[in-house]
Amino acid sequence: MSMIILVAGIQSIPEIYYEAARIDGAGNWKQFFTITIPLLVPTLGFCVITNTIGSLQIFDQVYVMTQGGPLFRTETMVQYVYNRGFQIAPYDLGYASAIAETLFVMIAVITLLLYRYFIKKEKVDM
């Protein structure tokens, strides 16, 4: 998904910028670092934020492959919520809810920090 979004972001960059850079004598690397990357900052920010949220919410791949083992070394926070709330008797739904709320706050703070970083980066590059 990120690759499709990044390709769309690259295709949305007007060709006139690259023409002007070629006329000024800029090579491919110079064009990449002075035109492509700065104009892709909003797209990169979106991809980084959505992938960070997705990585903090990962459950199915780890559960299918290892089920958190050996000795819970690969257990994620979402899997911990699932195990505490629905797998380990007695079912501790209150504790699982508290952990889920903590995960929500953690994701919200990280997302806000990344969003502010990319907003500043976009303003500096423009």
C-alpha atoms as a PDB file:
ATOM      1  CA  MET A   1       0.000   0.000   0.000  1.00  0.00           C
ATOM      2  CA  SER A   2       2.796   2.420   0.868  1.00  0.00           C
ATOM      3  CA  MET A   3       4.486   1.810  -2.464  1.00  0.00           C
ATOM      4  CA  ILE A   4       1.305   2.718  -4.346  1.00  0.00           C
ATOM      5  CA  ILE A   5       0.945   5.908  -2.303  1.00  0.00           C
ATOM      6  CA  LEU A   6       4.598   6.861  -2.848  1.00  0.00           C
ATOM      7  CA  VAL A   7       4.386   6.207  -6.595  1.00  0.00           C
ATOM      8  CA  ALA A   8       1.278   8.397  -6.758  1.00  0.00           C
ATOM      9  CA  GLY A   9       3.152  11.101  -4.823  1.00  0.00           C
ATOM     10  CA  ILE A  10       6.092  10.941  -7.211  1.00  0.00           C
ATOM     11  CA  GLN A  11       3.795  11.102 -10.228  1.00  0.00           C
ATOM     12  CA  SER A  12       2.085  14.194  -8.807  1.00  0.00           C
ATOM     13  CA  ILE A  13       5.343  16.192  -8.881  1.00  0.00           C
ATOM     14  CA  PRO A  14       5.214  18.519 -11.897  1.00  0.00           C
ATOM     15  CA  GLU A  15       7.767  17.742 -14.598  1.00  0.00           C
ATOM     16  CA  ILE A  16       8.613  21.432 -14.932  1.00  0.00           C
ATOM     17  CA  TYR A  17      10.725  21.272 -11.742  1.00  0.00           C
ATOM     18  CA  TYR A  18      12.887  18.544 -13.229  1.00  0.00           C
ATOM     19  CA  GLU A  19      13.202  20.420 -16.527  1.00  0.00           C
ATOM     20  CA  ALA A  20      14.384  23.538 -14.713  1.00  0.00           C
ATOM     21  CA  ALA A  21      16.889  21.486 -12.720  1.00  0.00           C
ATOM     22  CA  ARG A  22      18.228  19.843 -15.884  1.00  0.00           C
ATOM     23  CA  ILE A  23      18.630  23.252 -17.514  1.00  0.00           C
ATOM     24  CA  ASP A  24      20.549  24.431 -14.454  1.00  0.00           C
ATOM     25  CA  GLY A  25      22.833  21.401 -14.769  1.00  0.00           C
ATOM     26  CA  ALA A  26      21.602  19.304 -11.851  1.00  0.00           C
ATOM     27  CA  GLY A  27      22.235  15.573 -12.097  1.00  0.00           C
ATOM     28  CA  ASN A  28      19.861  12.786 -11.122  1.00  0.00           C
ATOM     29  CA  TRP A  29      21.016  12.618  -7.498  1.00  0.00           C
ATOM     30  CA  LYS A  30      20.798  16.373  -7.071  1.00  0.00           C
ATOM     31  CA  GLN A  31      17.273  16.346  -8.517  1.00  0.00           C
ATOM     32  CA  PHE A  32      16.298  13.514  -6.199  1.00  0.00           C
ATOM     33  CA  PHE A  33      17.524  15.214  -3.033  1.00  0.00           C
ATOM     34  CA  THR A  34      16.458  18.777  -3.885  1.00  0.00           C
ATOM     35  CA  ILE A  35      13.172  18.203  -5.720  1.00  0.00           C
ATOM     36  CA  THR A  36      11.742  14.732  -5.175  1.00  0.00           C
ATOM     37  CA  ILE A  37      12.344  14.255  -1.449  1.00  0.00           C
ATOM     38  CA  PRO A  38      11.191  17.738  -0.331  1.00  0.00           C
ATOM     39  CA  LEU A  39       8.023  17.521  -2.417  1.00  0.00           C
ATOM     40  CA  LEU A  40       7.327  14.015  -1.100  1.00  0.00           C
ATOM     41  CA  VAL A  41       7.464  15.033   2.578  1.00  0.00           C
ATOM     42  CA  PRO A  42       3.655  15.065   3.024  1.00  0.00           C
ATOM     43  CA  THR A  43       3.345  11.680   1.335  1.00  0.00           C
ATOM     44  CA  LEU A  44       6.250  10.248   3.318  1.00  0.00           C
ATOM     45  CA  GLY A  45       4.708  11.612   6.504  1.00  0.00           C
ATOM     46  CA  PHE A  46       1.410   9.895   5.762  1.00  0.00           C
ATOM     47  CA  CYS A  47       3.162   6.591   5.028  1.00  0.00           C
ATOM     48  CA  VAL A  48       5.330   6.771   8.155  1.00  0.00           C
ATOM     49  CA  ILE A  49       2.373   7.603  10.406  1.00  0.00           C
ATOM     50  CA  THR A  50       0.065   4.895   9.020  1.00  0.00           C
ATOM     51  CA  ASN A  51       2.815   2.257   9.084  1.00  0.00           C
ATOM     52  CA  THR A  52       3.747   3.176  12.659  1.00  0.00           C
ATOM     53  CA  ILE A  53       0.130   2.831  13.758  1.00  0.00           C
ATOM     54  CA  GLY A  54      -0.125  -0.485  11.923  1.00  0.00           C
ATOM     55  CA  SER A  55       3.064  -1.826  13.477  1.00  0.00           C
ATOM     56  CA  LEU A  56       1.880  -0.976  16.981  1.00  0.00           C
ATOM     57  CA  GLN A  57      -1.409  -2.785  16.324  1.00  0.00           C
ATOM     58  CA  ILE A  58       0.079  -5.943  14.822  1.00  0.00           C
ATOM     59  CA  PHE A  59      -1.613  -9.105  16.002  1.00  0.00           C
ATOM     60  CA  ASP A  60      -2.437 -11.682  13.357  1.00  0.00           C
ATOM     61  CA  GLN A  61       1.007 -12.402  11.901  1.00  0.00           C
ATOM     62  CA  VAL A  62       2.589 -12.968  15.310  1.00  0.00           C
ATOM     63  CA  TYR A  63      -0.373 -14.950  16.615  1.00  0.00           C
ATOM     64  CA  VAL A  64      -0.399 -17.290  13.621  1.00  0.00           C
ATOM     65  CA  MET A  65       3.368 -17.833  13.559  1.00  0.00           C
ATOM     66  CA  THR A  66       4.385 -18.063  17.221  1.00  0.00           C
ATOM     67  CA  GLN A  67       1.356 -17.314  19.435  1.00  0.00           C
ATOM     68  CA  GLY A  68       3.657 -15.116  21.502  1.00  0.00           C
ATOM     69  CA  GLY A  69       6.195 -17.790  22.278  1.00  0.00           C
ATOM     70  CA  PRO A  70       8.728 -18.925  23.205  1.00  0.00           C
ATOM     71  CA  LEU A  71       8.221 -17.613  26.740  1.00  0.00           C
ATOM     72  CA  PHE A  72       6.154 -14.654  25.435  1.00  0.00           C
ATOM     73  CA  ARG A  73       9.212 -13.125  23.705  1.00  0.00           C
ATOM     74  CA  THR A  74       7.278 -12.300  20.524  1.00  0.00           C
ATOM     75  CA  GLU A  75       4.042 -11.273  22.216  1.00  0.00           C
ATOM     76  CA  THR A  76       2.805  -7.854  21.127  1.00  0.00           C
ATOM     77  CA  MET A  77       0.734  -5.456  23.201  1.00  0.00           C
ATOM     78  CA  VAL A  78      -2.437  -6.241  21.253  1.00  0.00           C
ATOM     79  CA  GLN A  79      -1.853  -9.950  21.727  1.00  0.00           C
ATOM     80  CA  TYR A  80      -1.312  -9.349  25.444  1.00  0.00           C
ATOM     81  CA  VAL A  81      -4.700  -7.591  25.602  1.00  0.00           C
ATOM     82  CA  TYR A  82      -6.288 -10.518  23.774  1.00  0.00           C
ATOM     83  CA  ASN A  83      -4.696 -13.116  26.043  1.00  0.00           C
ATOM     84  CA  ARG A  84      -5.606 -11.285  29.261  1.00  0.00           C
ATOM     85  CA  GLY A  85      -9.156 -10.570  28.147  1.00  0.00           C
ATOM     86  CA  PHE A  86     -10.162 -13.737  26.332  1.00  0.00           C
ATOM     87  CA  GLN A  87      -7.638 -16.573  26.745  1.00  0.00           C
ATOM     88  CA  ILE A  88      -6.341 -16.807  30.292  1.00  0.00           C
ATOM     89  CA  ALA A  89      -8.971 -17.753  32.860  1.00  0.00           C
ATOM     90  CA  PRO A  90     -10.244 -15.940  34.836  1.00  0.00           C
ATOM     91  CA  TYR A  91     -11.003 -13.469  32.076  1.00  0.00           C
ATOM     92  CA  ASP A  92      -9.705 -10.106  33.216  1.00  0.00           C
ATOM     93  CA  LEU A  93     -11.600  -7.758  30.911  1.00  0.00           C
ATOM     94  CA  GLY A  94     -11.005  -4.694  33.079  1.00  0.00           C
ATOM     95  CA  TYR A  95      -7.245  -5.118  32.985  1.00  0.00           C
ATOM     96  CA  ALA A  96      -7.339  -5.841  29.251  1.00  0.00           C
ATOM     97  CA  SER A  97      -9.386  -2.670  28.714  1.00  0.00           C
ATOM     98  CA  ALA A  98      -6.887  -0.623  30.706  1.00  0.00           C
ATOM     99  CA  ILE A  99      -4.012  -1.981  28.616  1.00  0.00           C
ATOM    100  CA  ALA A 100      -5.973  -1.220  25.420  1.00  0.00           C
ATOM    101  CA  GLU A 101      -6.556   2.356  26.577  1.00  0.00           C
ATOM    102  CA  THR A 102      -2.855   2.694  27.362  1.00  0.00           C
ATOM    103  CA  LEU A 103      -2.070   1.434  23.869  1.00  0.00           C
ATOM    104  CA  PHE A 104      -4.502   3.986  22.412  1.00  0.00           C
ATOM    105  CA  VAL A 105      -2.860   6.854  24.314  1.00  0.00           C
ATOM    106  CA  MET A 106       0.593   5.643  23.299  1.00  0.00           C
ATOM    107  CA  ILE A 107      -0.414   5.486  19.616  1.00  0.00           C
ATOM    108  CA  ALA A 108      -2.074   8.916  19.845  1.00  0.00           C
ATOM    109  CA  VAL A 109       1.045  10.520  21.360  1.00  0.00           C
ATOM    110  CA  ILE A 110       3.405   8.930  18.839  1.00  0.00           C
ATOM    111  CA  THR A 111       1.099   9.921  15.979  1.00  0.00           C
ATOM    112  CA  LEU A 112       0.888  13.499  17.229  1.00  0.00           C
ATOM    113  CA  LEU A 113       4.674  13.754  17.550  1.00  0.00           C
ATOM    114  CA  LEU A 114       5.214  12.353  14.056  1.00  0.00           C
ATOM    115  CA  TYR A 115       2.538  14.644  12.642  1.00  0.00           C
ATOM    116  CA  ARG A 116       4.149  17.719  14.182  1.00  0.00           C
ATOM    117  CA  TYR A 117       7.568  16.646  12.920  1.00  0.00           C
ATOM    118  CA  PHE A 118       6.348  16.233   9.354  1.00  0.00           C
ATOM    119  CA  ILE A 119       4.374  19.492   9.435  1.00  0.00           C
ATOM    120  CA  LYS A 120       7.547  21.344  10.518  1.00  0.00           C
ATOM    121  CA  LYS A 121       9.587  19.473   7.928  1.00  0.00           C
ATOM    122  CA  GLU A 122       7.086  20.391   5.213  1.00  0.00           C
ATOM    123  CA  LYS A 123       7.178  24.083   6.139  1.00  0.00           C
ATOM    124  CA  VAL A 124      10.989  24.142   6.209  1.00  0.00           C
ATOM    125  CA  ASP A 125      11.331  22.392   2.839  1.00  0.00           C
ATOM    126  CA  MET A 126       8.804  24.585   1.051  1.00  0.00           C
END
